[in-house]
């Protein structure tokens, strides 16, 4: 037993529980990449489910609508029933969705299946960064959050490779099996110690925290328990002998107070732009319309299937590099470097495609277009896919994490739908060069906003980041006052106490 405990270190336990979260988020890659192999097969003569461009774009983009539904569902389950329960619930529609794909015989049934998968994606997108942030040590948190994008990239590679050699039905069967394995891992994972502490289950929280982290981070555990005790005591006091209307009024007052707090609205404002940047940077386009991009850049004469697989392999390698690099480089530095490469790839590809279409290139070779697409993918794999998840896992305060995460992920959902749904229209109207110029403008704007407002979060505790947004740490008395819902008078007093000192 002693040898077993010595071998199973806290780091390996963090790896196990994070695997359940990352595999769930890796389903994003499977679902997004599945469109790239499903649509070309459905367009073939004699297809079981004939489609046109309109129905094909809906099959690819309906995930965006469904993500919104998942965003609304996840915060309630996370807050009331726990992070682990929410993770289990989020995997269920993914499995059901793959079963529906296997049995689909019409466009409508495929839309239902993709909608269910999108609901799962919306829930896991809200939940994943939060759960990893609460499971893992600050020194390893960035690497674990980067693994999210690595599993997404692996999912894309798996589904693209399988789809190149198997039918879409057999590919869906293998994807369903992967989701089932994830369900088993989550079933054997513990609840988040932060949520247990928030629920007043302090002994369980200490047990799980020490199981995950060992006994070297006792100070963080102590601070978490003490803060939760103060918050829970104030909530108990607030709920004694209150009528329904009084509770309603005080909850409204609490909501009004919350939306005015810097530690609530500033992270949301930043993440709205970070998520928008991540969706317009081209990851969805290169996952769902990989073949269309290659054909627009280099033509249809090349071995597109082989090029797609090599691009996915490069994405995984780049993601793997990012896991180690993110531990050494500041978040802001990484963001500006990788998004800068992304903007260069957009502009260079747009110029190349435009010049090629107008016969203005002094020299041309397919390798030029392939290299530009690989540079674009490198920027996505090392920055614009992993960084939004990393920053989301570090930016939101514990008290508002479910609500703030759900609100900000709405912009991930809506932008995913917009980018995937509109690409066929953009290709037919302004071409790939025009589409990439539009993406450049959106990504550039979001990068400027992030540069102005995003604080550095590397190797900092979640409480320290929250204190920076607030302007200073709260004293225990103020923390209790902030959480109290007893009356409008207390709310007004809290506002005066938290007024900045000029």
Protein backbone atom coordinates (compact mmCIF):
# COMPACT_ATOMS: atom_id res chain seq x y z
CA UNK A 1 0.00 0.00 0.00
CA UNK A 2 2.83 2.36 0.86
CA UNK A 3 4.54 1.72 -2.47
CA UNK A 4 1.27 2.29 -4.30
CA UNK A 5 0.70 5.59 -2.51
CA UNK A 6 4.28 6.62 -3.28
CA UNK A 7 3.84 5.83 -6.95
CA UNK A 8 0.46 7.51 -7.25
CA UNK A 9 1.64 11.06 -6.62
CA UNK A 10 -0.63 14.12 -6.31
CA UNK A 11 0.50 15.18 -9.80
CA UNK A 12 -0.66 11.86 -11.27
CA UNK A 13 -3.98 12.23 -9.48
CA UNK A 14 -4.34 15.69 -10.99
CA UNK A 15 -3.55 14.13 -14.38
CA UNK A 16 -6.30 11.53 -13.89
CA UNK A 17 -9.06 13.95 -12.91
CA UNK A 18 -7.96 16.42 -15.60
CA UNK A 19 -8.15 13.62 -18.18
CA UNK A 20 -11.89 13.34 -17.54
CA UNK A 21 -12.30 17.07 -18.16
CA UNK A 22 -9.96 17.18 -21.17
CA UNK A 23 -11.50 14.17 -22.89
CA UNK A 24 -14.88 15.83 -22.54
CA UNK A 25 -13.53 18.99 -24.14
CA UNK A 26 -11.70 16.82 -26.68
CA UNK A 27 -15.18 15.95 -27.91
CA UNK A 28 -15.20 19.47 -29.38
CA UNK A 29 -12.48 18.36 -31.79
CA UNK A 30 -14.32 15.17 -32.68
CA UNK A 31 -17.59 17.01 -33.33
CA UNK A 32 -16.06 19.95 -35.24
CA UNK A 33 -13.77 17.72 -37.28
CA UNK A 34 -16.60 15.28 -38.05
CA UNK A 35 -18.23 17.91 -40.27
CA UNK A 36 -15.14 17.92 -42.51
CA UNK A 37 -15.52 14.20 -43.27
CA UNK A 38 -19.32 13.97 -43.06
CA UNK A 39 -20.22 16.72 -45.56
CA UNK A 40 -17.95 15.53 -48.44
CA UNK A 41 -19.32 11.98 -48.06
CA UNK A 42 -22.92 13.21 -48.04
CA UNK A 43 -22.27 15.24 -51.22
CA UNK A 44 -21.26 12.11 -53.15
CA UNK A 45 -23.73 10.69 -55.70
CA UNK A 46 -25.95 8.00 -54.18
CA UNK A 47 -25.45 9.29 -50.64
CA UNK A 48 -27.81 7.95 -47.96
CA UNK A 49 -28.65 11.55 -46.97
CA UNK A 50 -28.31 13.95 -49.95
CA UNK A 51 -27.42 17.54 -48.98
CA UNK A 52 -26.89 20.92 -50.63
CA UNK A 53 -24.69 23.84 -49.51
CA UNK A 54 -27.43 25.30 -47.29
CA UNK A 55 -28.23 22.09 -45.39
CA UNK A 56 -24.51 21.30 -45.16
CA UNK A 57 -23.74 24.65 -43.53
CA UNK A 58 -26.56 24.10 -41.03
CA UNK A 59 -25.19 20.66 -40.13
CA UNK A 60 -21.78 22.23 -39.49
CA UNK A 61 -22.96 25.37 -37.67
CA UNK A 62 -25.98 24.32 -35.59
CA UNK A 63 -23.48 23.62 -32.82
CA UNK A 64 -23.39 27.37 -32.19
CA UNK A 65 -27.09 27.50 -31.29
CA UNK A 66 -26.80 24.41 -29.13
CA UNK A 67 -23.76 25.78 -27.31
CA UNK A 68 -25.91 28.61 -26.00
CA UNK A 69 -28.34 26.11 -24.46
CA UNK A 70 -25.44 24.30 -22.83
CA UNK A 71 -24.08 27.60 -21.51
CA UNK A 72 -27.36 28.26 -19.68
CA UNK A 73 -27.67 24.73 -18.29
CA UNK A 74 -24.13 24.31 -16.97
CA UNK A 75 -23.87 27.16 -14.41
CA UNK A 76 -27.00 26.05 -12.52
CA UNK A 77 -25.85 22.43 -12.25
CA UNK A 78 -22.29 23.50 -11.38
CA UNK A 79 -23.44 25.76 -8.56
CA UNK A 80 -26.22 23.60 -7.10
CA UNK A 81 -25.17 19.99 -7.69
CA UNK A 82 -21.40 20.24 -8.11
CA UNK A 83 -18.73 20.33 -10.81
CA UNK A 84 -18.39 16.55 -11.09
CA UNK A 85 -22.14 16.09 -11.50
CA UNK A 86 -22.20 18.78 -14.19
CA UNK A 87 -19.35 17.01 -15.97
CA UNK A 88 -21.27 13.72 -15.93
CA UNK A 89 -24.44 15.42 -17.19
CA UNK A 90 -22.53 17.13 -20.01
CA UNK A 91 -21.15 13.83 -21.35
CA UNK A 92 -24.61 12.24 -21.65
CA UNK A 93 -25.93 14.30 -24.62
CA UNK A 94 -22.59 13.75 -26.38
CA UNK A 95 -23.03 9.97 -26.22
CA UNK A 96 -26.71 10.20 -27.21
CA UNK A 97 -25.72 12.52 -30.07
CA UNK A 98 -23.24 10.01 -31.50
CA UNK A 99 -25.88 7.26 -31.26
CA UNK A 100 -28.30 9.52 -33.17
CA UNK A 101 -25.64 10.09 -35.85
CA UNK A 102 -25.20 6.32 -36.20
CA UNK A 103 -28.92 5.84 -36.78
CA UNK A 104 -29.53 9.01 -38.84
CA UNK A 105 -31.43 8.68 -42.12
CA UNK A 106 -32.25 12.34 -42.89
CA UNK A 107 -30.87 15.87 -42.55
CA UNK A 108 -33.33 16.51 -39.71
CA UNK A 109 -32.02 13.58 -37.67
CA UNK A 110 -28.44 14.75 -38.23
CA UNK A 111 -29.40 18.24 -37.04
CA UNK A 112 -30.93 16.77 -33.86
CA UNK A 113 -27.77 14.73 -33.24
CA UNK A 114 -25.49 17.72 -33.80
CA UNK A 115 -27.68 19.89 -31.57
CA UNK A 116 -27.33 17.40 -28.70
CA UNK A 117 -23.57 17.36 -29.20
CA UNK A 118 -23.53 21.14 -29.22
CA UNK A 119 -25.38 21.22 -25.88
CA UNK A 120 -22.68 18.97 -24.47
CA UNK A 121 -19.97 21.23 -25.90
CA UNK A 122 -21.60 24.32 -24.39
CA UNK A 123 -21.73 22.73 -20.95
CA UNK A 124 -18.15 21.47 -21.05
CA UNK A 125 -16.81 24.78 -22.41
CA UNK A 126 -18.24 26.54 -19.35
CA UNK A 127 -17.27 23.81 -16.91
CA UNK A 128 -13.88 22.59 -18.15
CA UNK A 129 -11.57 25.54 -17.36
CA UNK A 130 -13.31 26.07 -14.01
CA UNK A 131 -12.91 22.45 -12.92
CA UNK A 132 -9.26 22.20 -13.95
CA UNK A 133 -8.56 25.51 -12.22
CA UNK A 134 -10.02 24.08 -9.01
CA UNK A 135 -8.46 20.60 -9.31
CA UNK A 136 -4.85 21.53 -10.08
CA UNK A 137 -1.94 23.31 -8.41
CA UNK A 138 -1.15 26.89 -9.53
CA UNK A 139 2.30 25.83 -10.77
CA UNK A 140 0.79 23.15 -13.07
CA UNK A 141 -2.50 24.86 -13.88
CA UNK A 142 -1.31 26.50 -17.10
CA UNK A 143 0.02 23.21 -18.48
CA UNK A 144 -3.16 21.31 -17.60
CA UNK A 145 -5.31 24.01 -19.19
CA UNK A 146 -3.14 23.86 -22.31
CA UNK A 147 -3.79 20.11 -22.53
CA UNK A 148 -7.43 21.02 -23.27
CA UNK A 149 -6.41 22.34 -26.67
CA UNK A 150 -4.12 19.34 -27.16
CA UNK A 151 -7.02 16.93 -26.70
CA UNK A 152 -9.19 19.04 -29.02
CA UNK A 153 -6.45 18.86 -31.66
CA UNK A 154 -6.10 15.12 -31.12
CA UNK A 155 -9.85 14.76 -31.56
CA UNK A 156 -9.69 16.58 -34.89
CA UNK A 157 -6.80 14.37 -36.07
CA UNK A 158 -8.57 11.17 -35.01
CA UNK A 159 -11.83 12.00 -36.75
CA UNK A 160 -10.14 13.32 -39.92
CA UNK A 161 -7.92 10.23 -40.16
CA UNK A 162 -10.77 7.80 -39.52
CA UNK A 163 -13.00 9.64 -41.98
CA UNK A 164 -10.37 9.36 -44.70
CA UNK A 165 -10.55 5.56 -44.59
CA UNK A 166 -13.90 4.69 -42.98
CA UNK A 167 -17.53 5.63 -43.55
CA UNK A 168 -18.98 8.40 -41.43
CA UNK A 169 -21.12 5.84 -39.56
CA UNK A 170 -18.13 3.76 -38.46
CA UNK A 171 -16.25 6.92 -37.53
CA UNK A 172 -19.20 7.98 -35.36
CA UNK A 173 -19.16 4.58 -33.61
CA UNK A 174 -15.51 5.01 -32.57
CA UNK A 175 -16.22 8.58 -31.39
CA UNK A 176 -19.09 7.25 -29.26
CA UNK A 177 -16.74 4.75 -27.62
CA UNK A 178 -14.29 7.55 -26.74
CA UNK A 179 -17.08 9.51 -25.06
CA UNK A 180 -18.04 6.41 -23.05
CA UNK A 181 -14.46 6.00 -21.80
CA UNK A 182 -14.56 9.63 -20.67
CA UNK A 183 -17.79 8.91 -18.75
CA UNK A 184 -16.04 6.12 -16.82
CA UNK A 185 -13.11 8.38 -15.86
CA UNK A 186 -15.41 11.13 -14.57
CA UNK A 187 -17.43 8.59 -12.56
CA UNK A 188 -14.27 7.70 -10.62
CA UNK A 189 -13.15 11.33 -10.15
CA UNK A 190 -13.81 13.28 -6.92
CA UNK A 191 -15.86 16.43 -6.53
CA UNK A 192 -14.08 19.79 -6.66
CA UNK A 193 -12.70 20.76 -3.21
CA UNK A 194 -13.67 24.40 -3.87
CA UNK A 195 -17.33 23.47 -4.39
CA UNK A 196 -17.35 21.19 -1.34
CA UNK A 197 -15.96 24.06 0.73
CA UNK A 198 -18.56 26.44 -0.69
CA UNK A 199 -21.28 23.98 0.38
CA UNK A 200 -19.97 23.88 3.96
CA UNK A 201 -18.63 20.32 3.59
CA UNK A 202 -15.24 21.31 4.98
CA UNK A 203 -13.97 17.87 6.05
CA UNK A 204 -14.68 16.43 2.59
CA UNK A 205 -13.08 19.49 1.01
CA UNK A 206 -9.90 19.03 3.06
CA UNK A 207 -9.78 15.32 2.24
CA UNK A 208 -10.18 15.83 -1.51
CA UNK A 209 -7.81 18.82 -1.58
CA UNK A 210 -5.04 16.85 0.15
CA UNK A 211 -5.74 13.81 -2.05
CA UNK A 212 -5.25 16.01 -5.13
CA UNK A 213 -2.48 18.33 -3.92
CA UNK A 214 -0.69 16.50 -1.12
CA UNK A 215 0.24 18.42 2.04
CA UNK A 216 2.42 21.15 0.49
CA UNK A 217 -0.33 23.66 -0.29
CA UNK A 218 -1.95 23.92 3.13
CA UNK A 219 -1.97 27.72 3.04
CA UNK A 220 -4.23 27.78 -0.02
CA UNK A 221 -6.52 25.21 1.63
CA UNK A 222 -6.66 27.26 4.84
CA UNK A 223 -7.53 30.47 2.99
CA UNK A 224 -10.20 28.71 0.92
CA UNK A 225 -11.87 27.16 3.98
CA UNK A 226 -11.77 30.40 5.99
CA UNK A 227 -13.27 32.42 3.15
CA UNK A 228 -16.02 29.83 2.63
CA UNK A 229 -16.85 29.78 6.34
CA UNK A 230 -17.35 33.56 6.39
CA UNK A 231 -19.46 33.44 3.24
CA UNK A 232 -21.61 30.53 4.45
CA UNK A 233 -22.18 32.12 7.86
CA UNK A 234 -23.42 35.31 6.23
CA UNK A 235 -25.72 33.34 3.94
CA UNK A 236 -27.22 31.46 6.90
CA UNK A 237 -27.81 34.74 8.73
CA UNK A 238 -29.39 36.22 5.63
CA UNK A 239 -31.85 33.35 5.18
CA UNK A 240 -33.19 33.27 8.78
CA UNK A 241 -36.90 34.23 9.07
CA UNK A 242 -37.15 35.84 5.65
CA UNK A 243 -40.36 35.89 3.62
CA UNK A 244 -40.35 34.97 -0.06
CA UNK A 245 -40.73 38.60 -1.18
CA UNK A 246 -37.96 39.75 1.13
CA UNK A 247 -35.66 37.06 -0.23
CA UNK A 248 -36.61 38.10 -3.76
CA UNK A 249 -35.87 41.76 -3.05
CA UNK A 250 -32.57 41.02 -1.38
CA UNK A 251 -31.55 38.70 -4.24
CA UNK A 252 -32.32 41.49 -6.70
CA UNK A 253 -30.23 43.83 -4.56
CA UNK A 254 -27.44 41.25 -4.52
CA UNK A 255 -27.56 40.93 -8.30
CA UNK A 256 -27.45 44.70 -8.72
CA UNK A 257 -24.49 44.87 -6.37
CA UNK A 258 -22.72 42.02 -8.19
CA UNK A 259 -22.89 43.49 -11.68
CA UNK A 260 -21.26 46.67 -10.40
CA UNK A 261 -18.26 44.88 -8.93
CA UNK A 262 -15.02 45.21 -10.84
CA UNK A 263 -14.06 41.62 -10.03
CA UNK A 264 -17.30 40.51 -11.77
CA UNK A 265 -17.64 42.64 -14.89
CA UNK A 266 -13.97 43.16 -15.79
CA UNK A 267 -13.16 39.45 -16.28
CA UNK A 268 -16.37 39.04 -18.32
CA UNK A 269 -15.48 42.00 -20.54
CA UNK A 270 -11.99 40.60 -21.11
CA UNK A 271 -13.18 37.04 -21.79
CA UNK A 272 -15.84 38.23 -24.24
CA UNK A 273 -13.02 39.58 -26.40
CA UNK A 274 -10.69 36.63 -25.77
CA UNK A 275 -13.37 34.10 -26.76
CA UNK A 276 -14.28 36.19 -29.82
CA UNK A 277 -10.61 36.31 -30.79
CA UNK A 278 -10.32 32.54 -30.41
CA UNK A 279 -13.34 31.82 -32.63
CA UNK A 280 -12.41 34.28 -35.41
CA UNK A 281 -8.76 33.17 -35.48
CA UNK A 282 -9.70 30.30 -37.81
CA UNK A 283 -9.67 27.15 -35.67
CA UNK A 284 -13.26 26.25 -36.57
CA UNK A 285 -12.68 26.95 -40.24
CA UNK A 286 -9.62 24.69 -40.42
CA UNK A 287 -11.50 21.96 -38.51
CA UNK A 288 -14.91 22.01 -40.25
CA UNK A 289 -13.94 23.21 -43.75
CA UNK A 290 -10.39 21.87 -44.03
CA UNK A 291 -10.86 20.54 -47.55
CA UNK A 292 -12.49 23.78 -48.76
CA UNK A 293 -9.58 25.87 -47.43
CA UNK A 294 -6.95 23.66 -49.08
CA UNK A 295 -8.83 23.69 -52.39
CA UNK A 296 -9.14 27.50 -52.31
CA UNK A 297 -5.45 28.00 -51.49
CA UNK A 298 -3.63 25.33 -53.52
CA UNK A 299 -6.31 23.84 -55.82
CA UNK A 300 -7.95 20.43 -55.95
CA UNK A 301 -5.20 18.51 -57.78
CA UNK A 302 -3.17 17.69 -54.66
CA UNK A 303 -3.77 14.79 -52.27
CA UNK A 304 -6.06 16.78 -49.97
CA UNK A 305 -6.71 13.87 -47.56
CA UNK A 306 -2.98 13.46 -46.88
CA UNK A 307 -2.54 17.22 -46.47
CA UNK A 308 -5.40 17.32 -43.94
CA UNK A 309 -3.84 14.54 -41.85
CA UNK A 310 -0.38 16.16 -41.89
CA UNK A 311 -1.95 19.48 -40.86
CA UNK A 312 -3.68 17.79 -37.91
CA UNK A 313 -0.42 16.10 -36.89
CA UNK A 314 1.33 19.48 -36.97
CA UNK A 315 -1.44 20.88 -34.77
CA UNK A 316 -0.85 18.18 -32.15
CA UNK A 317 2.91 18.73 -32.21
CA UNK A 318 2.41 22.48 -31.82
CA UNK A 319 -0.06 21.92 -28.98
CA UNK A 320 2.45 19.64 -27.26
CA UNK A 321 5.12 22.30 -27.53
CA UNK A 322 2.70 24.86 -26.13
CA UNK A 323 2.13 22.70 -23.01
CA UNK A 324 5.79 23.19 -22.05
CA UNK A 325 6.24 26.73 -23.36
CA UNK A 326 3.20 28.07 -21.50
CA UNK A 327 4.87 27.11 -18.19
CA UNK A 328 7.79 29.44 -18.94
CA UNK A 329 6.30 32.37 -20.88
CA UNK A 330 3.87 34.96 -19.54
CA UNK A 331 0.29 34.75 -20.78
CA UNK A 332 0.32 38.22 -22.32
CA UNK A 333 3.60 37.57 -24.15
CA UNK A 334 2.26 34.27 -25.49
CA UNK A 335 -0.98 35.93 -26.58
CA UNK A 336 0.69 38.74 -28.50
CA UNK A 337 3.29 36.47 -30.13
CA UNK A 338 0.88 33.77 -31.34
CA UNK A 339 -1.92 36.13 -32.39
CA UNK A 340 0.65 38.24 -34.22
CA UNK A 341 1.62 35.14 -36.22
CA UNK A 342 -2.08 34.46 -36.76
CA UNK A 343 -2.65 37.93 -38.23
CA UNK A 344 0.39 37.52 -40.47
CA UNK A 345 -0.96 34.17 -41.73
CA UNK A 346 -4.36 35.70 -42.50
CA UNK A 347 -2.90 38.64 -44.43
CA UNK A 348 -0.25 36.59 -46.27
CA UNK A 349 -2.79 33.90 -47.28
CA UNK A 350 -5.29 36.54 -48.42
CA UNK A 351 -2.61 38.27 -50.52
CA UNK A 352 -1.41 34.96 -51.97
CA UNK A 353 -4.90 33.74 -52.93
CA UNK A 354 -5.83 37.12 -54.43
CA UNK A 355 -2.59 37.38 -56.45
CA UNK A 356 -2.92 33.77 -57.62
CA UNK A 357 -6.51 34.31 -58.77
CA UNK A 358 -5.46 37.41 -60.76
CA UNK A 359 -2.30 35.78 -62.19
CA UNK A 360 -0.03 38.32 -60.51
CA UNK A 361 2.40 35.89 -58.87
CA UNK A 362 5.94 36.00 -60.27
CA UNK A 363 6.46 32.45 -58.97
CA UNK A 364 4.05 29.85 -57.63
CA UNK A 365 4.30 26.42 -56.08
CA UNK A 366 1.79 24.41 -54.01
CA UNK A 367 4.32 24.40 -51.17
CA UNK A 368 3.77 28.15 -50.65
CA UNK A 369 0.07 27.70 -49.94
CA UNK A 370 0.70 24.62 -47.80
CA UNK A 371 3.30 26.52 -45.76
CA UNK A 372 0.90 29.43 -45.18
CA UNK A 373 -1.83 27.08 -43.94
CA UNK A 374 0.66 25.37 -41.61
CA UNK A 375 1.82 28.73 -40.23
CA UNK A 376 -1.83 29.58 -39.60
CA UNK A 377 -2.38 26.25 -37.84
CA UNK A 378 0.77 26.77 -35.74
CA UNK A 379 -0.60 30.06 -34.42
CA UNK A 380 -3.93 28.43 -33.64
CA UNK A 381 -2.45 25.39 -31.89
CA UNK A 382 0.02 27.32 -29.74
CA UNK A 383 -2.09 30.36 -28.91
CA UNK A 384 -5.62 31.09 -30.07
CA UNK A 385 -7.08 27.71 -29.02
CA UNK A 386 -5.30 27.01 -25.69
CA UNK A 387 -5.01 30.56 -24.34
CA UNK A 388 -8.77 31.33 -24.05
CA UNK A 389 -9.23 28.18 -21.94
CA UNK A 390 -6.16 28.97 -19.83
CA UNK A 391 -7.18 32.58 -19.21
CA UNK A 392 -10.81 31.58 -18.46
CA UNK A 393 -9.57 29.10 -15.87
CA UNK A 394 -7.57 31.81 -14.10
CA UNK A 395 -9.60 35.00 -14.48
CA UNK A 396 -13.00 34.46 -12.81
CA UNK A 397 -13.49 34.86 -9.03
CA UNK A 398 -14.69 31.75 -7.20
CA UNK A 399 -17.98 33.31 -6.07
CA UNK A 400 -19.07 34.31 -9.60
CA UNK A 401 -17.24 31.65 -11.60
CA UNK A 402 -20.32 29.76 -12.79
CA UNK A 403 -22.32 32.87 -13.73
CA UNK A 404 -19.44 34.84 -15.22
CA UNK A 405 -18.16 31.82 -17.13
CA UNK A 406 -21.61 31.13 -18.56
CA UNK A 407 -22.11 34.73 -19.69
CA UNK A 408 -18.74 35.00 -21.40
CA UNK A 409 -19.01 31.58 -23.11
CA UNK A 410 -22.18 32.84 -24.81
CA UNK A 411 -19.85 34.84 -27.04
CA UNK A 412 -17.85 31.71 -27.80
CA UNK A 413 -21.09 30.03 -28.90
CA UNK A 414 -22.44 32.87 -30.99
CA UNK A 415 -19.12 33.50 -32.72
CA UNK A 416 -18.67 29.80 -33.44
CA UNK A 417 -22.07 29.77 -35.16
CA UNK A 418 -21.36 32.96 -37.11
CA UNK A 419 -17.95 31.88 -38.39
CA UNK A 420 -18.97 28.35 -39.40
CA UNK A 421 -22.34 29.33 -40.90
CA UNK A 422 -21.06 32.27 -42.95
CA UNK A 423 -17.88 30.80 -44.47
CA UNK A 424 -19.63 29.16 -47.48
CA UNK A 425 -21.39 32.49 -48.15
CA UNK A 426 -18.13 34.44 -47.83
CA UNK A 427 -16.32 32.01 -50.15
CA UNK A 428 -18.98 32.42 -52.82
CA UNK A 429 -19.18 36.24 -52.50
CA UNK A 430 -15.80 37.71 -51.54
CA UNK A 431 -13.63 34.62 -51.73
CA UNK A 432 -11.14 33.30 -49.19
CA UNK A 433 -9.04 36.46 -49.40
CA UNK A 434 -12.01 38.68 -48.48
CA UNK A 435 -13.03 36.34 -45.65
CA UNK A 436 -9.51 36.37 -44.21
CA UNK A 437 -9.36 40.17 -44.31
CA UNK A 438 -12.59 40.27 -42.28
CA UNK A 439 -11.13 37.80 -39.78
CA UNK A 440 -7.98 39.94 -39.52
CA UNK A 441 -10.01 43.00 -38.56
CA UNK A 442 -12.00 41.18 -35.85
CA UNK A 443 -8.97 39.42 -34.35
CA UNK A 444 -6.89 42.61 -34.43
CA UNK A 445 -9.56 44.58 -32.55
CA UNK A 446 -9.89 41.89 -29.87
CA UNK A 447 -6.11 41.74 -29.43
CA UNK A 448 -5.97 45.50 -28.82
CA UNK A 449 -8.69 45.24 -26.13
CA UNK A 450 -6.90 42.31 -24.48
CA UNK A 451 -3.63 44.21 -24.54
CA UNK A 452 -5.22 47.12 -22.67
CA UNK A 453 -7.26 45.25 -20.03
CA UNK A 454 -5.85 41.72 -19.56
CA UNK A 455 -3.64 41.37 -16.45
CA UNK A 456 -0.80 38.87 -16.26
CA UNK A 457 -2.07 35.67 -14.58
CA UNK A 458 0.84 33.24 -14.82
CA UNK A 459 1.79 31.52 -11.53
CA UNK A 460 -0.64 33.64 -9.51
CA UNK A 461 -3.32 32.32 -7.17
CA UNK A 462 -6.94 32.82 -8.16
CA UNK A 463 -7.45 34.99 -5.07
CA UNK A 464 -4.54 37.25 -6.02
CA UNK A 465 -5.98 37.79 -9.50
CA UNK A 466 -9.40 38.57 -8.03
CA UNK A 467 -7.84 41.10 -5.64
CA UNK A 468 -6.16 42.87 -8.56
CA UNK A 469 -9.49 43.34 -10.33
CA UNK A 470 -11.04 44.63 -7.12
CA UNK A 471 -8.11 46.96 -6.49
CA UNK A 472 -7.22 45.52 -3.09
CA UNK A 473 -7.93 42.41 -0.97
CA UNK A 474 -11.06 42.31 1.16
CA UNK A 475 -10.81 42.05 4.93
CA UNK A 476 -12.80 39.24 6.61
CA UNK A 477 -15.38 41.78 7.77
CA UNK A 478 -15.79 43.20 4.27
CA UNK A 479 -15.94 39.71 2.78
CA UNK A 480 -18.80 38.86 5.10
CA UNK A 481 -20.53 42.15 4.31
CA UNK A 482 -20.18 41.63 0.59
CA UNK A 483 -21.84 38.23 0.81
CA UNK A 484 -24.71 39.23 3.09
CA UNK A 485 -28.14 39.41 1.50
CA UNK A 486 -30.02 40.63 4.52
CA UNK A 487 -31.13 44.04 3.35
CA UNK A 488 -30.75 46.97 0.99
CA UNK A 489 -29.25 48.90 3.87
CA UNK A 490 -26.42 46.39 4.16
CA UNK A 491 -25.99 46.49 0.40
CA UNK A 492 -25.61 50.27 0.45
CA UNK A 493 -23.18 50.06 3.34
CA UNK A 494 -21.13 47.55 1.39
CA UNK A 495 -20.98 49.91 -1.57
CA UNK A 496 -19.65 52.69 0.66
CA UNK A 497 -17.10 50.39 2.28
CA UNK A 498 -15.84 49.17 -1.08
CA UNK A 499 -15.51 52.65 -2.58
CA UNK A 500 -11.94 53.19 -3.84
CA UNK A 501 -9.67 55.44 -1.84
CA UNK A 502 -8.46 58.28 -4.05
